[in-house]
Amino acid sequence: MPELVDRDTFRRLFETFEHTAWRLETRRGYASDRQDPDYHAFLATGSSPCDPGEPWLTNIRRQTDTGKAVGRVRIADRPPTTEQLFLLDYARHNAAAGEDIRYLWREEADRAGLPAEDYWLFDSRLVALLHFDDDDNLLNIELITEPAEVLRYVVLRDAAIHHAVPYEKFATLVAETD
């Protein structure tokens, strides 16, 4: 029986992890991004604004300032979707807060055997598997602690990081193909 947690419990994981928090993002877009005013500003201007005092960025800065690591690999289509371009532009704000943001083309992710699953991995011992509906809305969050299953996600993380490039380099590659 899967262990599902509410969003408040999930949010607390970002305050209580001890060493690392890492995410694999595989979707072509997220409903939450499409509802974000920063996304609408990006559509209008081509650039995403940022409030450095936004709670996510404040917490990430606090965590990374204490020596903890936060990172993610985003899978992108060729050409990237509008939502993926928004996240690529927004990556500079995440990076300024201390996140290690990397990218991987979808075909390279497929060759590397990466799944079409979005998840957060905390301290290489807890997985928060994110389940979405067909409209990219987050439905629920499943916690996985069974060691062999967690190890599978650790191996996937290592493969994703190995094949991915820093967001700055990826942004240059995307700009060169426009």
N, C-alpha and C. Protein backbone atom coordinates (compact mmCIF):
# COMPACT_ATOMS: atom_id res chain seq x y z
N MET A 1 0.84 -1.18 0.00
CA MET A 1 0.00 0.00 0.00
C MET A 1 0.90 1.25 0.00
N PRO A 2 0.76 2.13 -1.00
CA PRO A 2 1.61 3.32 -1.06
C PRO A 2 1.34 4.26 0.13
N GLU A 3 2.41 4.89 0.58
CA GLU A 3 2.29 5.90 1.64
C GLU A 3 2.16 7.27 0.98
N LEU A 4 0.95 7.83 1.00
CA LEU A 4 0.71 9.14 0.43
C LEU A 4 0.77 10.18 1.54
N VAL A 5 1.36 11.33 1.20
CA VAL A 5 1.46 12.42 2.18
C VAL A 5 0.81 13.68 1.62
N ASP A 6 0.40 14.56 2.51
CA ASP A 6 -0.18 15.83 2.08
C ASP A 6 0.94 16.80 1.70
N ARG A 7 0.54 17.90 1.11
CA ARG A 7 1.53 18.87 0.61
C ARG A 7 2.31 19.54 1.73
N ASP A 8 1.70 19.75 2.89
CA ASP A 8 2.44 20.34 4.00
C ASP A 8 3.55 19.42 4.47
N THR A 9 3.27 18.13 4.58
CA THR A 9 4.29 17.15 4.97
C THR A 9 5.40 17.14 3.93
N PHE A 10 5.03 17.17 2.65
CA PHE A 10 6.01 17.20 1.57
C PHE A 10 6.88 18.46 1.67
N ARG A 11 6.27 19.62 1.88
CA ARG A 11 7.04 20.88 1.98
C ARG A 11 8.05 20.83 3.12
N ARG A 12 7.67 20.20 4.22
CA ARG A 12 8.59 20.13 5.37
C ARG A 12 9.86 19.33 5.05
N LEU A 13 9.78 18.43 4.09
CA LEU A 13 10.99 17.67 3.71
C LEU A 13 12.10 18.59 3.23
N PHE A 14 11.74 19.72 2.65
CA PHE A 14 12.74 20.67 2.15
C PHE A 14 13.36 21.49 3.27
N GLU A 15 12.80 21.41 4.44
CA GLU A 15 13.37 22.09 5.60
C GLU A 15 14.12 21.13 6.50
N THR A 16 13.81 19.84 6.39
CA THR A 16 14.36 18.87 7.34
C THR A 16 15.38 17.91 6.73
N PHE A 17 15.61 17.96 5.42
CA PHE A 17 16.61 17.04 4.86
C PHE A 17 17.98 17.38 5.46
N GLU A 18 18.84 16.37 5.53
CA GLU A 18 20.11 16.55 6.22
C GLU A 18 21.27 16.90 5.29
N HIS A 19 21.27 16.35 4.06
CA HIS A 19 22.43 16.53 3.19
C HIS A 19 22.07 16.94 1.77
N THR A 20 21.15 16.20 1.14
CA THR A 20 20.84 16.45 -0.26
C THR A 20 19.35 16.34 -0.55
N ALA A 21 18.91 17.18 -1.45
CA ALA A 21 17.57 17.10 -2.02
C ALA A 21 17.77 17.22 -3.53
N TRP A 22 17.25 16.26 -4.27
CA TRP A 22 17.49 16.23 -5.71
C TRP A 22 16.23 15.80 -6.43
N ARG A 23 15.99 16.40 -7.62
CA ARG A 23 14.77 16.11 -8.36
C ARG A 23 15.06 15.74 -9.81
N LEU A 24 14.25 14.81 -10.33
CA LEU A 24 14.18 14.55 -11.76
C LEU A 24 12.84 15.08 -12.25
N GLU A 25 12.88 15.98 -13.25
CA GLU A 25 11.67 16.56 -13.85
C GLU A 25 11.55 16.03 -15.27
N THR A 26 10.45 15.37 -15.56
CA THR A 26 10.32 14.72 -16.87
C THR A 26 9.14 15.22 -17.70
N ARG A 27 8.27 16.01 -17.11
CA ARG A 27 7.05 16.40 -17.83
C ARG A 27 7.33 17.52 -18.83
N ARG A 28 6.47 17.62 -19.81
CA ARG A 28 6.60 18.67 -20.82
C ARG A 28 6.10 20.02 -20.31
N GLY A 29 5.38 19.99 -19.22
CA GLY A 29 4.86 21.21 -18.60
C GLY A 29 4.17 20.85 -17.30
N TYR A 30 3.92 21.86 -16.50
CA TYR A 30 3.28 21.68 -15.20
C TYR A 30 2.15 22.69 -15.08
N ALA A 31 0.99 22.22 -14.67
CA ALA A 31 -0.17 23.11 -14.52
C ALA A 31 0.15 24.24 -13.55
N SER A 32 0.88 23.95 -12.49
CA SER A 32 1.21 24.99 -11.51
C SER A 32 2.03 26.12 -12.14
N ASP A 33 2.91 25.79 -13.07
CA ASP A 33 3.67 26.84 -13.76
C ASP A 33 2.76 27.68 -14.65
N ARG A 34 1.85 27.03 -15.34
CA ARG A 34 0.96 27.77 -16.24
C ARG A 34 0.04 28.71 -15.48
N GLN A 35 -0.15 28.48 -14.19
CA GLN A 35 -0.98 29.36 -13.36
C GLN A 35 -0.17 30.45 -12.67
N ASP A 36 1.14 30.41 -12.79
CA ASP A 36 2.05 31.33 -12.11
C ASP A 36 2.12 32.67 -12.85
N PRO A 37 1.98 33.79 -12.15
CA PRO A 37 2.12 35.11 -12.81
C PRO A 37 3.47 35.28 -13.49
N ASP A 38 4.53 34.65 -12.96
CA ASP A 38 5.85 34.74 -13.60
C ASP A 38 5.83 34.09 -14.99
N TYR A 39 5.04 33.03 -15.14
CA TYR A 39 4.91 32.37 -16.43
C TYR A 39 4.23 33.32 -17.43
N HIS A 40 3.20 34.00 -16.98
CA HIS A 40 2.50 34.95 -17.85
C HIS A 40 3.40 36.13 -18.22
N ALA A 41 4.22 36.55 -17.29
CA ALA A 41 5.20 37.61 -17.60
C ALA A 41 6.21 37.11 -18.62
N PHE A 42 6.62 35.87 -18.49
CA PHE A 42 7.55 35.27 -19.45
C PHE A 42 6.92 35.24 -20.85
N LEU A 43 5.65 34.85 -20.92
CA LEU A 43 4.97 34.83 -22.22
C LEU A 43 4.92 36.21 -22.85
N ALA A 44 4.75 37.22 -22.01
CA ALA A 44 4.61 38.59 -22.52
C ALA A 44 5.95 39.23 -22.88
N THR A 45 7.00 38.88 -22.13
CA THR A 45 8.28 39.59 -22.29
C THR A 45 9.44 38.72 -22.72
N GLY A 46 9.32 37.40 -22.56
CA GLY A 46 10.43 36.51 -22.86
C GLY A 46 11.39 36.35 -21.69
N SER A 47 11.05 36.95 -20.56
CA SER A 47 11.91 36.85 -19.38
C SER A 47 11.04 36.68 -18.13
N SER A 48 11.49 35.83 -17.24
CA SER A 48 10.72 35.60 -16.02
C SER A 48 11.23 36.49 -14.89
N PRO A 49 10.33 37.23 -14.26
CA PRO A 49 10.74 38.05 -13.12
C PRO A 49 10.99 37.14 -11.91
N CYS A 50 11.57 37.72 -10.88
CA CYS A 50 11.86 36.92 -9.70
C CYS A 50 11.78 37.80 -8.46
N ASP A 51 11.13 37.27 -7.44
CA ASP A 51 11.14 37.89 -6.12
C ASP A 51 12.12 37.07 -5.29
N PRO A 52 13.32 37.62 -4.99
CA PRO A 52 14.30 36.83 -4.25
C PRO A 52 13.84 36.45 -2.85
N GLY A 53 12.80 37.10 -2.35
CA GLY A 53 12.25 36.76 -1.05
C GLY A 53 11.17 35.69 -1.10
N GLU A 54 10.92 35.15 -2.29
CA GLU A 54 9.92 34.09 -2.45
C GLU A 54 10.30 32.92 -1.54
N PRO A 55 9.33 32.31 -0.86
CA PRO A 55 9.64 31.27 0.14
C PRO A 55 10.52 30.13 -0.36
N TRP A 56 10.27 29.63 -1.59
CA TRP A 56 11.10 28.53 -2.10
C TRP A 56 12.57 28.96 -2.17
N LEU A 57 12.82 30.11 -2.78
CA LEU A 57 14.20 30.57 -2.95
C LEU A 57 14.84 30.89 -1.61
N THR A 58 14.08 31.46 -0.70
CA THR A 58 14.61 31.77 0.63
C THR A 58 15.04 30.49 1.35
N ASN A 59 14.21 29.46 1.29
CA ASN A 59 14.55 28.20 1.95
C ASN A 59 15.75 27.54 1.29
N ILE A 60 15.79 27.52 -0.03
CA ILE A 60 16.92 26.88 -0.72
C ILE A 60 18.21 27.61 -0.38
N ARG A 61 18.17 28.92 -0.36
CA ARG A 61 19.35 29.70 0.02
C ARG A 61 19.78 29.34 1.44
N ARG A 62 18.82 29.25 2.34
CA ARG A 62 19.12 28.91 3.74
C ARG A 62 19.76 27.51 3.81
N GLN A 63 19.20 26.56 3.09
CA GLN A 63 19.72 25.19 3.13
C GLN A 63 21.12 25.10 2.51
N THR A 64 21.31 25.71 1.36
CA THR A 64 22.62 25.61 0.70
C THR A 64 23.68 26.42 1.44
N ASP A 65 23.28 27.49 2.11
CA ASP A 65 24.24 28.27 2.91
C ASP A 65 24.81 27.46 4.07
N THR A 66 24.08 26.42 4.50
CA THR A 66 24.57 25.55 5.58
C THR A 66 25.36 24.36 5.04
N GLY A 67 25.57 24.31 3.72
CA GLY A 67 26.36 23.24 3.13
C GLY A 67 25.56 22.10 2.54
N LYS A 68 24.26 22.18 2.61
CA LYS A 68 23.43 21.14 2.00
C LYS A 68 23.38 21.36 0.48
N ALA A 69 23.13 20.28 -0.25
CA ALA A 69 23.09 20.36 -1.71
C ALA A 69 21.65 20.18 -2.20
N VAL A 70 21.26 21.03 -3.14
CA VAL A 70 19.96 20.93 -3.78
C VAL A 70 20.21 20.98 -5.28
N GLY A 71 19.60 20.03 -6.01
CA GLY A 71 19.81 20.01 -7.44
C GLY A 71 18.66 19.33 -8.16
N ARG A 72 18.71 19.40 -9.46
CA ARG A 72 17.70 18.74 -10.29
C ARG A 72 18.23 18.60 -11.70
N VAL A 73 17.66 17.63 -12.39
CA VAL A 73 17.86 17.48 -13.83
C VAL A 73 16.49 17.58 -14.46
N ARG A 74 16.40 18.44 -15.47
CA ARG A 74 15.16 18.60 -16.22
C ARG A 74 15.33 17.96 -17.59
N ILE A 75 14.35 17.16 -17.97
CA ILE A 75 14.33 16.56 -19.30
C ILE A 75 13.60 17.53 -20.22
N ALA A 76 14.19 17.81 -21.38
CA ALA A 76 13.58 18.76 -22.31
C ALA A 76 13.40 18.12 -23.69
N ASP A 77 12.33 18.54 -24.34
CA ASP A 77 12.05 18.10 -25.71
C ASP A 77 12.86 18.95 -26.68
N ARG A 78 12.97 18.42 -27.90
CA ARG A 78 13.67 19.15 -28.95
C ARG A 78 12.69 19.39 -30.08
N PRO A 79 12.17 20.60 -30.28
CA PRO A 79 12.47 21.82 -29.51
C PRO A 79 11.72 21.82 -28.17
N PRO A 80 12.24 22.60 -27.21
CA PRO A 80 11.57 22.67 -25.90
C PRO A 80 10.17 23.25 -26.02
N THR A 81 9.28 22.77 -25.15
CA THR A 81 7.94 23.35 -25.07
C THR A 81 8.05 24.75 -24.46
N THR A 82 6.99 25.52 -24.58
CA THR A 82 6.97 26.85 -23.98
C THR A 82 7.21 26.77 -22.47
N GLU A 83 6.58 25.78 -21.84
CA GLU A 83 6.76 25.61 -20.40
C GLU A 83 8.22 25.27 -20.07
N GLN A 84 8.85 24.45 -20.89
CA GLN A 84 10.26 24.12 -20.66
C GLN A 84 11.16 25.34 -20.86
N LEU A 85 10.82 26.18 -21.83
CA LEU A 85 11.59 27.42 -22.02
C LEU A 85 11.43 28.37 -20.82
N PHE A 86 10.24 28.42 -20.27
CA PHE A 86 10.02 29.22 -19.06
C PHE A 86 10.91 28.72 -17.93
N LEU A 87 10.90 27.40 -17.71
CA LEU A 87 11.72 26.85 -16.62
C LEU A 87 13.21 27.04 -16.89
N LEU A 88 13.61 26.97 -18.14
CA LEU A 88 15.01 27.23 -18.49
C LEU A 88 15.38 28.67 -18.15
N ASP A 89 14.51 29.61 -18.48
CA ASP A 89 14.78 31.00 -18.13
C ASP A 89 14.78 31.20 -16.61
N TYR A 90 13.86 30.53 -15.93
CA TYR A 90 13.74 30.68 -14.47
C TYR A 90 14.89 30.00 -13.74
N ALA A 91 15.59 29.08 -14.40
CA ALA A 91 16.69 28.35 -13.76
C ALA A 91 17.74 29.29 -13.19
N ARG A 92 17.91 30.46 -13.78
CA ARG A 92 18.91 31.40 -13.25
C ARG A 92 18.56 31.85 -11.84
N HIS A 93 17.27 31.95 -11.53
CA HIS A 93 16.85 32.33 -10.19
C HIS A 93 17.11 31.20 -9.20
N ASN A 94 16.79 29.96 -9.62
CA ASN A 94 17.06 28.80 -8.78
C ASN A 94 18.57 28.68 -8.51
N ALA A 95 19.36 28.86 -9.56
CA ALA A 95 20.82 28.74 -9.42
C ALA A 95 21.37 29.83 -8.49
N ALA A 96 20.82 31.03 -8.59
CA ALA A 96 21.28 32.11 -7.71
C ALA A 96 20.99 31.79 -6.24
N ALA A 97 19.98 30.97 -5.99
CA ALA A 97 19.65 30.57 -4.62
C ALA A 97 20.50 29.39 -4.16
N GLY A 98 21.26 28.78 -5.09
CA GLY A 98 22.15 27.69 -4.71
C GLY A 98 21.84 26.34 -5.31
N GLU A 99 20.80 26.25 -6.13
CA GLU A 99 20.46 24.97 -6.76
C GLU A 99 21.39 24.66 -7.92
N ASP A 100 21.71 23.40 -8.09
CA ASP A 100 22.46 22.92 -9.25
C ASP A 100 21.42 22.44 -10.26
N ILE A 101 21.18 23.24 -11.29
CA ILE A 101 20.16 22.95 -12.30
C ILE A 101 20.85 22.43 -13.56
N ARG A 102 20.43 21.25 -14.00
CA ARG A 102 21.00 20.64 -15.19
C ARG A 102 19.89 20.20 -16.14
N TYR A 103 20.27 19.99 -17.40
CA TYR A 103 19.31 19.62 -18.44
C TYR A 103 19.81 18.46 -19.27
N LEU A 104 18.82 17.77 -19.84
CA LEU A 104 19.10 16.63 -20.68
C LEU A 104 18.00 16.55 -21.74
N TRP A 105 18.42 16.39 -23.01
CA TRP A 105 17.43 16.19 -24.05
C TRP A 105 16.68 14.89 -23.80
N ARG A 106 15.40 14.87 -24.14
CA ARG A 106 14.55 13.70 -23.90
C ARG A 106 15.11 12.44 -24.57
N GLU A 107 15.60 12.55 -25.80
CA GLU A 107 16.12 11.35 -26.47
C GLU A 107 17.36 10.80 -25.76
N GLU A 108 18.16 11.68 -25.19
CA GLU A 108 19.33 11.22 -24.42
C GLU A 108 18.89 10.57 -23.11
N ALA A 109 17.84 11.12 -22.49
CA ALA A 109 17.29 10.52 -21.27
C ALA A 109 16.74 9.13 -21.56
N ASP A 110 16.08 8.98 -22.71
CA ASP A 110 15.55 7.67 -23.09
C ASP A 110 16.69 6.67 -23.30
N ARG A 111 17.76 7.10 -23.98
CA ARG A 111 18.91 6.21 -24.20
C ARG A 111 19.57 5.82 -22.87
N ALA A 112 19.54 6.74 -21.91
CA ALA A 112 20.15 6.47 -20.59
C ALA A 112 19.23 5.63 -19.71
N GLY A 113 18.02 5.34 -20.18
CA GLY A 113 17.09 4.51 -19.42
C GLY A 113 16.38 5.23 -18.29
N LEU A 114 16.31 6.56 -18.38
CA LEU A 114 15.61 7.31 -17.34
C LEU A 114 14.11 7.15 -17.50
N PRO A 115 13.40 7.02 -16.40
CA PRO A 115 11.95 6.82 -16.46
C PRO A 115 11.21 8.13 -16.69
N ALA A 116 9.95 8.02 -17.08
CA ALA A 116 9.08 9.20 -17.19
C ALA A 116 8.39 9.40 -15.85
N GLU A 117 9.20 9.56 -14.81
CA GLU A 117 8.70 9.75 -13.45
C GLU A 117 9.34 11.00 -12.87
N ASP A 118 8.52 11.82 -12.23
CA ASP A 118 9.04 12.96 -11.50
C ASP A 118 9.19 12.56 -10.04
N TYR A 119 10.33 12.84 -9.48
CA TYR A 119 10.52 12.51 -8.07
C TYR A 119 11.57 13.41 -7.43
N TRP A 120 11.47 13.51 -6.12
CA TRP A 120 12.50 14.13 -5.29
C TRP A 120 13.15 13.01 -4.50
N LEU A 121 14.46 13.09 -4.36
CA LEU A 121 15.23 12.13 -3.57
C LEU A 121 15.89 12.92 -2.44
N PHE A 122 15.59 12.54 -1.20
CA PHE A 122 16.12 13.22 -0.03
C PHE A 122 17.14 12.34 0.68
N ASP A 123 18.36 12.84 0.80
CA ASP A 123 19.42 12.17 1.55
C ASP A 123 19.65 10.73 1.10
N SER A 124 19.36 10.43 -0.14
CA SER A 124 19.54 9.08 -0.70
C SER A 124 18.87 8.00 0.13
N ARG A 125 17.79 8.38 0.84
CA ARG A 125 17.09 7.39 1.67
C ARG A 125 15.57 7.51 1.62
N LEU A 126 15.08 8.58 0.99
CA LEU A 126 13.64 8.81 0.91
C LEU A 126 13.30 9.38 -0.46
N VAL A 127 12.34 8.76 -1.12
CA VAL A 127 11.87 9.23 -2.43
C VAL A 127 10.46 9.77 -2.26
N ALA A 128 10.24 10.94 -2.83
CA ALA A 128 8.88 11.48 -2.93
C ALA A 128 8.52 11.42 -4.41
N LEU A 129 7.72 10.43 -4.77
CA LEU A 129 7.31 10.21 -6.16
C LEU A 129 6.07 11.05 -6.41
N LEU A 130 6.15 11.92 -7.43
CA LEU A 130 5.08 12.86 -7.73
C LEU A 130 4.19 12.28 -8.83
N HIS A 131 2.91 12.17 -8.54
CA HIS A 131 1.94 11.63 -9.50
C HIS A 131 1.11 12.78 -10.06
N PHE A 132 0.99 12.82 -11.40
CA PHE A 132 0.27 13.88 -12.10
C PHE A 132 -0.87 13.29 -12.92
N ASP A 133 -1.87 14.14 -13.21
CA ASP A 133 -2.92 13.73 -14.14
C ASP A 133 -2.51 14.12 -15.55
N ASP A 134 -3.36 13.85 -16.52
CA ASP A 134 -3.04 14.12 -17.93
C ASP A 134 -2.95 15.62 -18.24
N ASP A 135 -3.48 16.47 -17.33
CA ASP A 135 -3.41 17.92 -17.52
C ASP A 135 -2.27 18.54 -16.72
N ASP A 136 -1.34 17.70 -16.24
CA ASP A 136 -0.14 18.15 -15.54
C ASP A 136 -0.39 18.70 -14.14
N ASN A 137 -1.53 18.35 -13.55
CA ASN A 137 -1.82 18.74 -12.16
C ASN A 137 -1.24 17.69 -11.22
N LEU A 138 -0.59 18.13 -10.16
CA LEU A 138 -0.08 17.20 -9.16
C LEU A 138 -1.26 16.57 -8.43
N LEU A 139 -1.35 15.25 -8.50
CA LEU A 139 -2.45 14.54 -7.85
C LEU A 139 -2.10 14.15 -6.42
N ASN A 140 -0.93 13.51 -6.27
CA ASN A 140 -0.53 13.09 -4.94
C ASN A 140 0.97 12.86 -4.89
N ILE A 141 1.45 12.67 -3.66
CA ILE A 141 2.87 12.48 -3.41
C ILE A 141 3.01 11.19 -2.62
N GLU A 142 3.77 10.28 -3.20
CA GLU A 142 3.98 8.97 -2.58
C GLU A 142 5.39 8.90 -2.00
N LEU A 143 5.51 8.58 -0.73
CA LEU A 143 6.82 8.41 -0.11
C LEU A 143 7.26 6.96 -0.22
N ILE A 144 8.51 6.79 -0.60
CA ILE A 144 9.10 5.46 -0.74
C ILE A 144 10.34 5.41 0.14
N THR A 145 10.39 4.43 1.03
CA THR A 145 11.54 4.28 1.94
C THR A 145 12.16 2.89 1.86
N GLU A 146 11.54 1.98 1.11
CA GLU A 146 12.07 0.63 1.00
C GLU A 146 13.45 0.70 0.35
N PRO A 147 14.50 0.24 1.04
CA PRO A 147 15.88 0.46 0.59
C PRO A 147 16.18 0.07 -0.86
N ALA A 148 15.74 -1.09 -1.32
CA ALA A 148 16.03 -1.50 -2.69
C ALA A 148 15.38 -0.57 -3.70
N GLU A 149 14.18 -0.12 -3.41
CA GLU A 149 13.48 0.80 -4.32
C GLU A 149 14.14 2.18 -4.29
N VAL A 150 14.53 2.64 -3.13
CA VAL A 150 15.24 3.92 -3.03
C VAL A 150 16.55 3.84 -3.82
N LEU A 151 17.25 2.74 -3.69
CA LEU A 151 18.51 2.56 -4.42
C LEU A 151 18.30 2.68 -5.92
N ARG A 152 17.19 2.16 -6.43
CA ARG A 152 16.88 2.30 -7.86
C ARG A 152 16.82 3.77 -8.26
N TYR A 153 16.22 4.61 -7.42
CA TYR A 153 16.13 6.04 -7.72
C TYR A 153 17.48 6.74 -7.56
N VAL A 154 18.30 6.27 -6.66
CA VAL A 154 19.66 6.81 -6.52
C VAL A 154 20.46 6.54 -7.79
N VAL A 155 20.35 5.32 -8.32
CA VAL A 155 21.05 4.96 -9.56
C VAL A 155 20.54 5.82 -10.72
N LEU A 156 19.23 6.04 -10.78
CA LEU A 156 18.67 6.91 -11.82
C LEU A 156 19.18 8.33 -11.69
N ARG A 157 19.27 8.83 -10.46
CA ARG A 157 19.82 10.18 -10.24
C ARG A 157 21.24 10.26 -10.77
N ASP A 158 22.06 9.28 -10.42
CA ASP A 158 23.45 9.31 -10.85
C ASP A 158 23.56 9.28 -12.38
N ALA A 159 22.73 8.49 -13.03
CA ALA A 159 22.73 8.45 -14.50
C ALA A 159 22.30 9.78 -15.08
N ALA A 160 21.27 10.38 -14.51
CA ALA A 160 20.78 11.67 -15.02
C ALA A 160 21.86 12.74 -14.89
N ILE A 161 22.50 12.80 -13.74
CA ILE A 161 23.54 13.80 -13.53
C ILE A 161 24.70 13.56 -14.48
N HIS A 162 25.07 12.31 -14.68
CA HIS A 162 26.18 11.98 -15.56
C HIS A 162 25.95 12.48 -16.99
N HIS A 163 24.74 12.36 -17.48
CA HIS A 163 24.45 12.71 -18.87
C HIS A 163 24.01 14.16 -19.07
N ALA A 164 23.63 14.85 -18.01
CA ALA A 164 23.07 16.20 -18.13
C ALA A 164 24.17 17.26 -18.18
N VAL A 165 23.77 18.44 -18.66
CA VAL A 165 24.69 19.58 -18.72
C VAL A 165 24.12 20.73 -17.88
N PRO A 166 24.99 21.60 -17.36
CA PRO A 166 24.50 22.75 -16.59
C PRO A 166 23.54 23.60 -17.41
N TYR A 167 22.61 24.23 -16.71
CA TYR A 167 21.56 24.97 -17.42
C TYR A 167 22.12 26.05 -18.32
N GLU A 168 23.23 26.69 -17.93
CA GLU A 168 23.81 27.76 -18.77
C GLU A 168 24.22 27.21 -20.14
N LYS A 169 24.88 26.05 -20.12
CA LYS A 169 25.31 25.43 -21.38
C LYS A 169 24.09 25.01 -22.20
N PHE A 170 23.09 24.46 -21.54
CA PHE A 170 21.88 24.03 -22.23
C PHE A 170 21.17 25.24 -22.85
N ALA A 171 21.11 26.34 -22.12
CA ALA A 171 20.48 27.56 -22.65
C ALA A 171 21.20 28.02 -23.92
N THR A 172 22.50 27.91 -23.94
CA THR A 172 23.28 28.27 -25.14
C THR A 172 22.94 27.33 -26.30
N LEU A 173 22.83 26.03 -26.01
CA LEU A 173 22.47 25.07 -27.06
C LEU A 173 21.08 25.37 -27.64
N VAL A 174 20.15 25.70 -26.75
CA VAL A 174 18.78 26.01 -27.21
C VAL A 174 18.80 27.29 -28.05
N ALA A 175 19.53 28.29 -27.62
CA ALA A 175 19.60 29.56 -28.36
C ALA A 175 20.23 29.35 -29.73
N GLU A 176 21.20 28.48 -29.83
CA GLU A 176 21.87 28.21 -31.11
C GLU A 176 20.95 27.52 -32.11
N THR A 177 19.92 26.80 -31.61
CA THR A 177 19.03 26.09 -32.51
C THR A 177 17.82 26.93 -32.92
N ASP A 178 17.65 28.10 -32.30
CA ASP A 178 16.51 28.96 -32.66
C ASP A 178 16.69 29.60 -34.01
